[in-house]
Amino acid sequence: MGFIRDKRNSSSSTTTSPCADLRAAYNNCFNKWYSDKFLKGHWDKEECVSEWDKYRDCLSKHLEDKNLSRFLEAEGVKRIPAPIAK
């Protein structure tokens, strides 16, 4: 027995995800920040926060639609707002 995958669309799980574009935008932003700034020691400013918030909100919405939102929440842990950059 095995799992047969259509080779024409090897990333089918990401392309069918309603949040795939937001995930790609966040990943691109993070990778650019990491290579262009963090590795050079310029990491004192928050970046990619809006991309992350949009992606997380999308995930939350779609998990709630499937009654799976409890998997995003840890017991007793609240989401802490990001500090304002000076």
PDB file of N, CA and C in Angstrom:
ATOM      1  N   MET A   1       0.838  -1.172   0.000  1.00  0.00           N
ATOM      2  CA  MET A   1       0.000   0.000   0.000  1.00  0.00           C
ATOM      3  C   MET A   1       0.883   1.235   0.000  1.00  0.00           C
ATOM      4  N   GLY A   2       0.395   2.245  -0.638  1.00  0.00           N
ATOM      5  CA  GLY A   2       1.168   3.477  -0.678  1.00  0.00           C
ATOM      6  C   GLY A   2       0.286   4.648  -1.023  1.00  0.00           C
ATOM      7  N   PHE A   3       0.864   5.778  -0.909  1.00  0.00           N
ATOM      8  CA  PHE A   3       0.172   7.012  -1.230  1.00  0.00           C
ATOM      9  C   PHE A   3       0.672   7.487  -2.573  1.00  0.00           C
ATOM     10  N   ILE A   4      -0.221   7.611  -3.531  1.00  0.00           N
ATOM     11  CA  ILE A   4       0.158   8.047  -4.867  1.00  0.00           C
ATOM     12  C   ILE A   4      -0.128   9.535  -4.978  1.00  0.00           C
ATOM     13  N   ARG A   5       0.894  10.272  -5.353  1.00  0.00           N
ATOM     14  CA  ARG A   5       0.771  11.720  -5.475  1.00  0.00           C
ATOM     15  C   ARG A   5       0.852  12.099  -6.949  1.00  0.00           C
ATOM     16  N   ASP A   6       0.005  13.016  -7.339  1.00  0.00           N
ATOM     17  CA  ASP A   6       0.041  13.539  -8.698  1.00  0.00           C
ATOM     18  C   ASP A   6       1.283  14.405  -8.831  1.00  0.00           C
ATOM     19  N   LYS A   7       2.236  13.987  -9.662  1.00  0.00           N
ATOM     20  CA  LYS A   7       3.499  14.699  -9.791  1.00  0.00           C
ATOM     21  C   LYS A   7       3.349  16.055 -10.464  1.00  0.00           C
ATOM     22  N   ARG A   8       2.253  16.281 -11.161  1.00  0.00           N
ATOM     23  CA  ARG A   8       2.049  17.581 -11.806  1.00  0.00           C
ATOM     24  C   ARG A   8       1.829  18.676 -10.781  1.00  0.00           C
ATOM     25  N   ASN A   9       1.334  18.318  -9.631  1.00  0.00           N
ATOM     26  CA  ASN A   9       1.051  19.307  -8.597  1.00  0.00           C
ATOM     27  C   ASN A   9       1.577  18.785  -7.268  1.00  0.00           C
ATOM     28  N   SER A  10       2.905  18.807  -7.102  1.00  0.00           N
ATOM     29  CA  SER A  10       3.516  18.209  -5.925  1.00  0.00           C
ATOM     30  C   SER A  10       3.246  18.988  -4.647  1.00  0.00           C
ATOM     31  N   SER A  11       2.847  20.245  -4.751  1.00  0.00           N
ATOM     32  CA  SER A  11       2.549  21.031  -3.552  1.00  0.00           C
ATOM     33  C   SER A  11       1.052  21.284  -3.437  1.00  0.00           C
ATOM     34  N   SER A  12       0.266  20.255  -3.677  1.00  0.00           N
ATOM     35  CA  SER A  12      -1.184  20.416  -3.712  1.00  0.00           C
ATOM     36  C   SER A  12      -1.756  20.910  -2.395  1.00  0.00           C
ATOM     37  N   SER A  13      -1.152  20.533  -1.267  1.00  0.00           N
ATOM     38  CA  SER A  13      -1.706  20.966   0.012  1.00  0.00           C
ATOM     39  C   SER A  13      -1.567  22.468   0.204  1.00  0.00           C
ATOM     40  N   THR A  14      -0.509  23.065  -0.327  1.00  0.00           N
ATOM     41  CA  THR A  14      -0.352  24.500  -0.151  1.00  0.00           C
ATOM     42  C   THR A  14      -1.161  25.278  -1.169  1.00  0.00           C
ATOM     43  N   THR A  15      -1.347  24.734  -2.361  1.00  0.00           N
ATOM     44  CA  THR A  15      -2.090  25.480  -3.370  1.00  0.00           C
ATOM     45  C   THR A  15      -3.586  25.418  -3.124  1.00  0.00           C
ATOM     46  N   THR A  16      -4.059  24.399  -2.417  1.00  0.00           N
ATOM     47  CA  THR A  16      -5.484  24.307  -2.141  1.00  0.00           C
ATOM     48  C   THR A  16      -5.849  24.972  -0.819  1.00  0.00           C
ATOM     49  N   SER A  17      -4.864  25.314  -0.036  1.00  0.00           N
ATOM     50  CA  SER A  17      -5.121  25.974   1.240  1.00  0.00           C
ATOM     51  C   SER A  17      -5.647  27.378   1.008  1.00  0.00           C
ATOM     52  N   PRO A  18      -6.698  27.762   1.728  1.00  0.00           N
ATOM     53  CA  PRO A  18      -7.220  29.125   1.564  1.00  0.00           C
ATOM     54  C   PRO A  18      -6.237  30.185   2.061  1.00  0.00           C
ATOM     55  N   CYS A  19      -5.245  29.773   2.824  1.00  0.00           N
ATOM     56  CA  CYS A  19      -4.271  30.721   3.374  1.00  0.00           C
ATOM     57  C   CYS A  19      -2.909  30.622   2.690  1.00  0.00           C
ATOM     58  N   ALA A  20      -2.821  29.897   1.592  1.00  0.00           N
ATOM     59  CA  ALA A  20      -1.535  29.647   0.939  1.00  0.00           C
ATOM     60  C   ALA A  20      -0.837  30.926   0.506  1.00  0.00           C
ATOM     61  N   ASP A  21      -1.570  31.862  -0.066  1.00  0.00           N
ATOM     62  CA  ASP A  21      -0.947  33.108  -0.520  1.00  0.00           C
ATOM     63  C   ASP A  21      -0.422  33.924   0.659  1.00  0.00           C
ATOM     64  N   LEU A  22      -1.163  33.937   1.748  1.00  0.00           N
ATOM     65  CA  LEU A  22      -0.721  34.666   2.937  1.00  0.00           C
ATOM     66  C   LEU A  22       0.492  33.996   3.569  1.00  0.00           C
ATOM     67  N   ARG A  23       0.504  32.680   3.560  1.00  0.00           N
ATOM     68  CA  ARG A  23       1.662  31.947   4.077  1.00  0.00           C
ATOM     69  C   ARG A  23       2.898  32.245   3.245  1.00  0.00           C
ATOM     70  N   ALA A  24       2.745  32.246   1.932  1.00  0.00           N
ATOM     71  CA  ALA A  24       3.874  32.542   1.047  1.00  0.00           C
ATOM     72  C   ALA A  24       4.374  33.967   1.265  1.00  0.00           C
ATOM     73  N   ALA A  25       3.455  34.915   1.434  1.00  0.00           N
ATOM     74  CA  ALA A  25       3.850  36.310   1.671  1.00  0.00           C
ATOM     75  C   ALA A  25       4.631  36.431   2.978  1.00  0.00           C
ATOM     76  N   TYR A  26       4.169  35.759   4.023  1.00  0.00           N
ATOM     77  CA  TYR A  26       4.881  35.806   5.301  1.00  0.00           C
ATOM     78  C   TYR A  26       6.247  35.138   5.178  1.00  0.00           C
ATOM     79  N   ASN A  27       6.298  33.964   4.570  1.00  0.00           N
ATOM     80  CA  ASN A  27       7.578  33.264   4.418  1.00  0.00           C
ATOM     81  C   ASN A  27       8.576  34.094   3.621  1.00  0.00           C
ATOM     82  N   ASN A  28       8.117  34.717   2.550  1.00  0.00           N
ATOM     83  CA  ASN A  28       9.005  35.557   1.746  1.00  0.00           C
ATOM     84  C   ASN A  28       9.519  36.737   2.559  1.00  0.00           C
ATOM     85  N   CYS A  29       8.634  37.382   3.292  1.00  0.00           N
ATOM     86  CA  CYS A  29       9.019  38.523   4.122  1.00  0.00           C
ATOM     87  C   CYS A  29      10.026  38.083   5.188  1.00  0.00           C
ATOM     88  N   PHE A  30       9.727  36.992   5.872  1.00  0.00           N
ATOM     89  CA  PHE A  30      10.614  36.503   6.926  1.00  0.00           C
ATOM     90  C   PHE A  30      11.980  36.140   6.373  1.00  0.00           C
ATOM     91  N   ASN A  31      12.009  35.410   5.266  1.00  0.00           N
ATOM     92  CA  ASN A  31      13.289  35.000   4.686  1.00  0.00           C
ATOM     93  C   ASN A  31      14.123  36.203   4.257  1.00  0.00           C
ATOM     94  N   LYS A  32      13.469  37.209   3.696  1.00  0.00           N
ATOM     95  CA  LYS A  32      14.173  38.426   3.289  1.00  0.00           C
ATOM     96  C   LYS A  32      14.718  39.149   4.521  1.00  0.00           C
ATOM     97  N   TRP A  33      13.892  39.301   5.556  1.00  0.00           N
ATOM     98  CA  TRP A  33      14.336  39.946   6.792  1.00  0.00           C
ATOM     99  C   TRP A  33      15.498  39.178   7.407  1.00  0.00           C
ATOM    100  N   TYR A  34      15.386  37.869   7.462  1.00  0.00           N
ATOM    101  CA  TYR A  34      16.415  37.046   8.092  1.00  0.00           C
ATOM    102  C   TYR A  34      17.752  37.194   7.381  1.00  0.00           C
ATOM    103  N   SER A  35      17.732  37.093   6.056  1.00  0.00           N
ATOM    104  CA  SER A  35      18.994  37.149   5.318  1.00  0.00           C
ATOM    105  C   SER A  35      19.532  38.569   5.167  1.00  0.00           C
ATOM    106  N   ASP A  36      18.647  39.549   4.986  1.00  0.00           N
ATOM    107  CA  ASP A  36      19.101  40.921   4.734  1.00  0.00           C
ATOM    108  C   ASP A  36      19.379  41.722   6.002  1.00  0.00           C
ATOM    109  N   LYS A  37      18.727  41.374   7.097  1.00  0.00           N
ATOM    110  CA  LYS A  37      18.874  42.200   8.300  1.00  0.00           C
ATOM    111  C   LYS A  37      19.369  41.413   9.511  1.00  0.00           C
ATOM    112  N   PHE A  38      18.673  40.351   9.864  1.00  0.00           N
ATOM    113  CA  PHE A  38      19.011  39.622  11.086  1.00  0.00           C
ATOM    114  C   PHE A  38      20.444  39.116  11.068  1.00  0.00           C
ATOM    115  N   LEU A  39      20.843  38.489   9.977  1.00  0.00           N
ATOM    116  CA  LEU A  39      22.195  37.940   9.899  1.00  0.00           C
ATOM    117  C   LEU A  39      23.269  39.023   9.910  1.00  0.00           C
ATOM    118  N   LYS A  40      22.884  40.247   9.628  1.00  0.00           N
ATOM    119  CA  LYS A  40      23.832  41.369   9.639  1.00  0.00           C
ATOM    120  C   LYS A  40      23.745  42.172  10.937  1.00  0.00           C
ATOM    121  N   GLY A  41      22.966  41.672  11.886  1.00  0.00           N
ATOM    122  CA  GLY A  41      22.866  42.312  13.187  1.00  0.00           C
ATOM    123  C   GLY A  41      21.856  43.438  13.277  1.00  0.00           C
ATOM    124  N   HIS A  42      21.035  43.612  12.265  1.00  0.00           N
ATOM    125  CA  HIS A  42      20.023  44.678  12.266  1.00  0.00           C
ATOM    126  C   HIS A  42      18.652  44.080  12.567  1.00  0.00           C
ATOM    127  N   TRP A  43      18.449  43.696  13.805  1.00  0.00           N
ATOM    128  CA  TRP A  43      17.199  43.032  14.151  1.00  0.00           C
ATOM    129  C   TRP A  43      16.456  43.729  15.276  1.00  0.00           C
ATOM    130  N   ASP A  44      16.686  45.024  15.433  1.00  0.00           N
ATOM    131  CA  ASP A  44      16.024  45.736  16.513  1.00  0.00           C
ATOM    132  C   ASP A  44      14.635  46.240  16.131  1.00  0.00           C
ATOM    133  N   LYS A  45      14.242  46.117  14.890  1.00  0.00           N
ATOM    134  CA  LYS A  45      12.931  46.588  14.449  1.00  0.00           C
ATOM    135  C   LYS A  45      12.086  45.388  14.013  1.00  0.00           C
ATOM    136  N   GLU A  46      10.828  45.406  14.417  1.00  0.00           N
ATOM    137  CA  GLU A  46       9.931  44.321  14.014  1.00  0.00           C
ATOM    138  C   GLU A  46       9.602  44.433  12.537  1.00  0.00           C
ATOM    139  N   GLU A  47       9.630  43.320  11.889  1.00  0.00           N
ATOM    140  CA  GLU A  47       9.286  43.272  10.476  1.00  0.00           C
ATOM    141  C   GLU A  47       8.317  42.116  10.272  1.00  0.00           C
ATOM    142  N   CYS A  48       7.566  42.176   9.241  1.00  0.00           N
ATOM    143  CA  CYS A  48       6.664  41.097   8.825  1.00  0.00           C
ATOM    144  C   CYS A  48       5.500  40.878   9.793  1.00  0.00           C
ATOM    145  N   VAL A  49       5.254  41.814  10.684  1.00  0.00           N
ATOM    146  CA  VAL A  49       4.173  41.658  11.657  1.00  0.00           C
ATOM    147  C   VAL A  49       2.819  41.637  10.958  1.00  0.00           C
ATOM    148  N   SER A  50       2.612  42.533  10.001  1.00  0.00           N
ATOM    149  CA  SER A  50       1.308  42.563   9.329  1.00  0.00           C
ATOM    150  C   SER A  50       1.086  41.293   8.513  1.00  0.00           C
ATOM    151  N   GLU A  51       2.150  40.769   7.876  1.00  0.00           N
ATOM    152  CA  GLU A  51       2.030  39.519   7.119  1.00  0.00           C
ATOM    153  C   GLU A  51       1.682  38.365   8.051  1.00  0.00           C
ATOM    154  N   TRP A  52       2.364  38.318   9.208  1.00  0.00           N
ATOM    155  CA  TRP A  52       2.092  37.259  10.177  1.00  0.00           C
ATOM    156  C   TRP A  52       0.661  37.343  10.703  1.00  0.00           C
ATOM    157  N   ASP A  53       0.215  38.561  11.049  1.00  0.00           N
ATOM    158  CA  ASP A  53      -1.137  38.733  11.576  1.00  0.00           C
ATOM    159  C   ASP A  53      -2.194  38.307  10.563  1.00  0.00           C
ATOM    160  N   LYS A  54      -2.008  38.663   9.302  1.00  0.00           N
ATOM    161  CA  LYS A  54      -2.965  38.264   8.258  1.00  0.00           C
ATOM    162  C   LYS A  54      -2.991  36.746   8.103  1.00  0.00           C
ATOM    163  N   TYR A  55      -1.821  36.119   8.097  1.00  0.00           N
ATOM    164  CA  TYR A  55      -1.735  34.665   7.954  1.00  0.00           C
ATOM    165  C   TYR A  55      -2.369  33.969   9.160  1.00  0.00           C
ATOM    166  N   ARG A  56      -2.048  34.428  10.361  1.00  0.00           N
ATOM    167  CA  ARG A  56      -2.602  33.816  11.570  1.00  0.00           C
ATOM    168  C   ARG A  56      -4.115  33.992  11.637  1.00  0.00           C
ATOM    169  N   ASP A  57      -4.607  35.171  11.262  1.00  0.00           N
ATOM    170  CA  ASP A  57      -6.054  35.405  11.248  1.00  0.00           C
ATOM    171  C   ASP A  57      -6.753  34.476  10.263  1.00  0.00           C
ATOM    172  N   CYS A  58      -6.134  34.278   9.110  1.00  0.00           N
ATOM    173  CA  CYS A  58      -6.701  33.364   8.114  1.00  0.00           C
ATOM    174  C   CYS A  58      -6.752  31.940   8.673  1.00  0.00           C
ATOM    175  N   LEU A  59      -5.653  31.500   9.275  1.00  0.00           N
ATOM    176  CA  LEU A  59      -5.631  30.162   9.871  1.00  0.00           C
ATOM    177  C   LEU A  59      -6.698  30.029  10.950  1.00  0.00           C
ATOM    178  N   SER A  60      -6.799  31.040  11.797  1.00  0.00           N
ATOM    179  CA  SER A  60      -7.789  30.996  12.876  1.00  0.00           C
ATOM    180  C   SER A  60      -9.196  30.866  12.324  1.00  0.00           C
ATOM    181  N   LYS A  61      -9.501  31.670  11.317  1.00  0.00           N
ATOM    182  CA  LYS A  61     -10.838  31.650  10.721  1.00  0.00           C
ATOM    183  C   LYS A  61     -11.161  30.273  10.150  1.00  0.00           C
ATOM    184  N   HIS A  62     -10.229  29.710   9.407  1.00  0.00           N
ATOM    185  CA  HIS A  62     -10.507  28.433   8.760  1.00  0.00           C
ATOM    186  C   HIS A  62     -10.488  27.269   9.746  1.00  0.00           C
ATOM    187  N   LEU A  63      -9.730  27.385  10.811  1.00  0.00           N
ATOM    188  CA  LEU A  63      -9.794  26.351  11.841  1.00  0.00           C
ATOM    189  C   LEU A  63     -11.094  26.447  12.626  1.00  0.00           C
ATOM    190  N   GLU A  64     -11.567  27.669  12.872  1.00  0.00           N
ATOM    191  CA  GLU A  64     -12.859  27.838  13.543  1.00  0.00           C
ATOM    192  C   GLU A  64     -13.983  27.257  12.698  1.00  0.00           C
ATOM    193  N   ASP A  65     -13.914  27.465  11.383  1.00  0.00           N
ATOM    194  CA  ASP A  65     -14.929  26.925  10.483  1.00  0.00           C
ATOM    195  C   ASP A  65     -15.008  25.407  10.573  1.00  0.00           C
ATOM    196  N   LYS A  66     -13.892  24.764  10.929  1.00  0.00           N
ATOM    197  CA  LYS A  66     -13.854  23.305  11.020  1.00  0.00           C
ATOM    198  C   LYS A  66     -13.856  22.827  12.470  1.00  0.00           C
ATOM    199  N   ASN A  67     -14.171  23.749  13.380  1.00  0.00           N
ATOM    200  CA  ASN A  67     -14.192  23.440  14.812  1.00  0.00           C
ATOM    201  C   ASN A  67     -12.854  22.901  15.320  1.00  0.00           C
ATOM    202  N   LEU A  68     -11.756  23.453  14.803  1.00  0.00           N
ATOM    203  CA  LEU A  68     -10.421  23.030  15.211  1.00  0.00           C
ATOM    204  C   LEU A  68      -9.619  24.163  15.843  1.00  0.00           C
ATOM    205  N   SER A  69     -10.258  25.278  16.131  1.00  0.00           N
ATOM    206  CA  SER A  69      -9.532  26.440  16.638  1.00  0.00           C
ATOM    207  C   SER A  69      -8.864  26.177  17.981  1.00  0.00           C
ATOM    208  N   ARG A  70      -9.327  25.212  18.713  1.00  0.00           N
ATOM    209  CA  ARG A  70      -8.722  24.917  20.018  1.00  0.00           C
ATOM    210  C   ARG A  70      -7.261  24.501  19.885  1.00  0.00           C
ATOM    211  N   PHE A  71      -6.853  24.046  18.705  1.00  0.00           N
ATOM    212  CA  PHE A  71      -5.468  23.640  18.504  1.00  0.00           C
ATOM    213  C   PHE A  71      -4.514  24.825  18.415  1.00  0.00           C
ATOM    214  N   LEU A  72      -5.041  26.025  18.173  1.00  0.00           N
ATOM    215  CA  LEU A  72      -4.195  27.216  18.139  1.00  0.00           C
ATOM    216  C   LEU A  72      -3.974  27.805  19.522  1.00  0.00           C
ATOM    217  N   GLU A  73      -4.819  27.475  20.450  1.00  0.00           N
ATOM    218  CA  GLU A  73      -4.753  28.072  21.776  1.00  0.00           C
ATOM    219  C   GLU A  73      -4.148  27.091  22.774  1.00  0.00           C
ATOM    220  N   ALA A  74      -3.158  27.547  23.500  1.00  0.00           N
ATOM    221  CA  ALA A  74      -2.600  26.757  24.590  1.00  0.00           C
ATOM    222  C   ALA A  74      -3.365  27.133  25.855  1.00  0.00           C
ATOM    223  N   GLU A  75      -3.577  26.182  26.703  1.00  0.00           N
ATOM    224  CA  GLU A  75      -4.346  26.442  27.919  1.00  0.00           C
ATOM    225  C   GLU A  75      -3.655  27.506  28.766  1.00  0.00           C
ATOM    226  N   GLY A  76      -4.394  28.560  29.089  1.00  0.00           N
ATOM    227  CA  GLY A  76      -3.878  29.613  29.942  1.00  0.00           C
ATOM    228  C   GLY A  76      -2.939  30.595  29.267  1.00  0.00           C
ATOM    229  N   VAL A  77      -2.747  30.479  27.972  1.00  0.00           N
ATOM    230  CA  VAL A  77      -1.840  31.381  27.266  1.00  0.00           C
ATOM    231  C   VAL A  77      -2.660  32.340  26.427  1.00  0.00           C
ATOM    232  N   LYS A  78      -2.387  33.617  26.578  1.00  0.00           N
ATOM    233  CA  LYS A  78      -3.080  34.622  25.789  1.00  0.00           C
ATOM    234  C   LYS A  78      -2.111  35.182  24.767  1.00  0.00           C
ATOM    235  N   ARG A  79      -2.657  35.648  23.680  1.00  0.00           N
ATOM    236  CA  ARG A  79      -1.833  36.266  22.653  1.00  0.00           C
ATOM    237  C   ARG A  79      -1.376  37.629  23.164  1.00  0.00           C
ATOM    238  N   ILE A  80      -0.079  37.831  23.168  1.00  0.00           N
ATOM    239  CA  ILE A  80       0.496  39.074  23.658  1.00  0.00           C
ATOM    240  C   ILE A  80       0.718  39.999  22.469  1.00  0.00           C
ATOM    241  N   PRO A  81       0.215  41.233  22.542  1.00  0.00           N
ATOM    242  CA  PRO A  81       0.414  42.148  21.422  1.00  0.00           C
ATOM    243  C   PRO A  81       1.881  42.499  21.257  1.00  0.00           C
ATOM    244  N   ALA A  82       2.272  42.735  20.018  1.00  0.00           N
ATOM    245  CA  ALA A  82       3.654  43.094  19.717  1.00  0.00           C
ATOM    246  C   ALA A  82       3.959  44.477  20.277  1.00  0.00           C
ATOM    247  N   PRO A  83       5.166  44.672  20.803  1.00  0.00           N
ATOM    248  CA  PRO A  83       5.529  45.994  21.314  1.00  0.00           C
ATOM    249  C   PRO A  83       5.672  46.990  20.170  1.00  0.00           C
ATOM    250  N   ILE A  84       5.455  48.241  20.482  1.00  0.00           N
ATOM    251  CA  ILE A  84       5.564  49.296  19.482  1.00  0.00           C
ATOM    252  C   ILE A  84       7.031  49.663  19.328  1.00  0.00           C
ATOM    253  N   ALA A  85       7.512  49.640  18.081  1.00  0.00           N
ATOM    254  CA  ALA A  85       8.909  49.984  17.807  1.00  0.00           C
ATOM    255  C   ALA A  85       9.134  51.467  18.045  1.00  0.00           C
ATOM    256  N   LYS A  86      10.264  51.798  18.626  1.00  0.00           N
ATOM    257  CA  LYS A  86      10.574  53.205  18.922  1.00  0.00           C
ATOM    258  C   LYS A  86      11.392  53.830  17.825  1.00  0.00           C
TER     259      LYS A  86
END
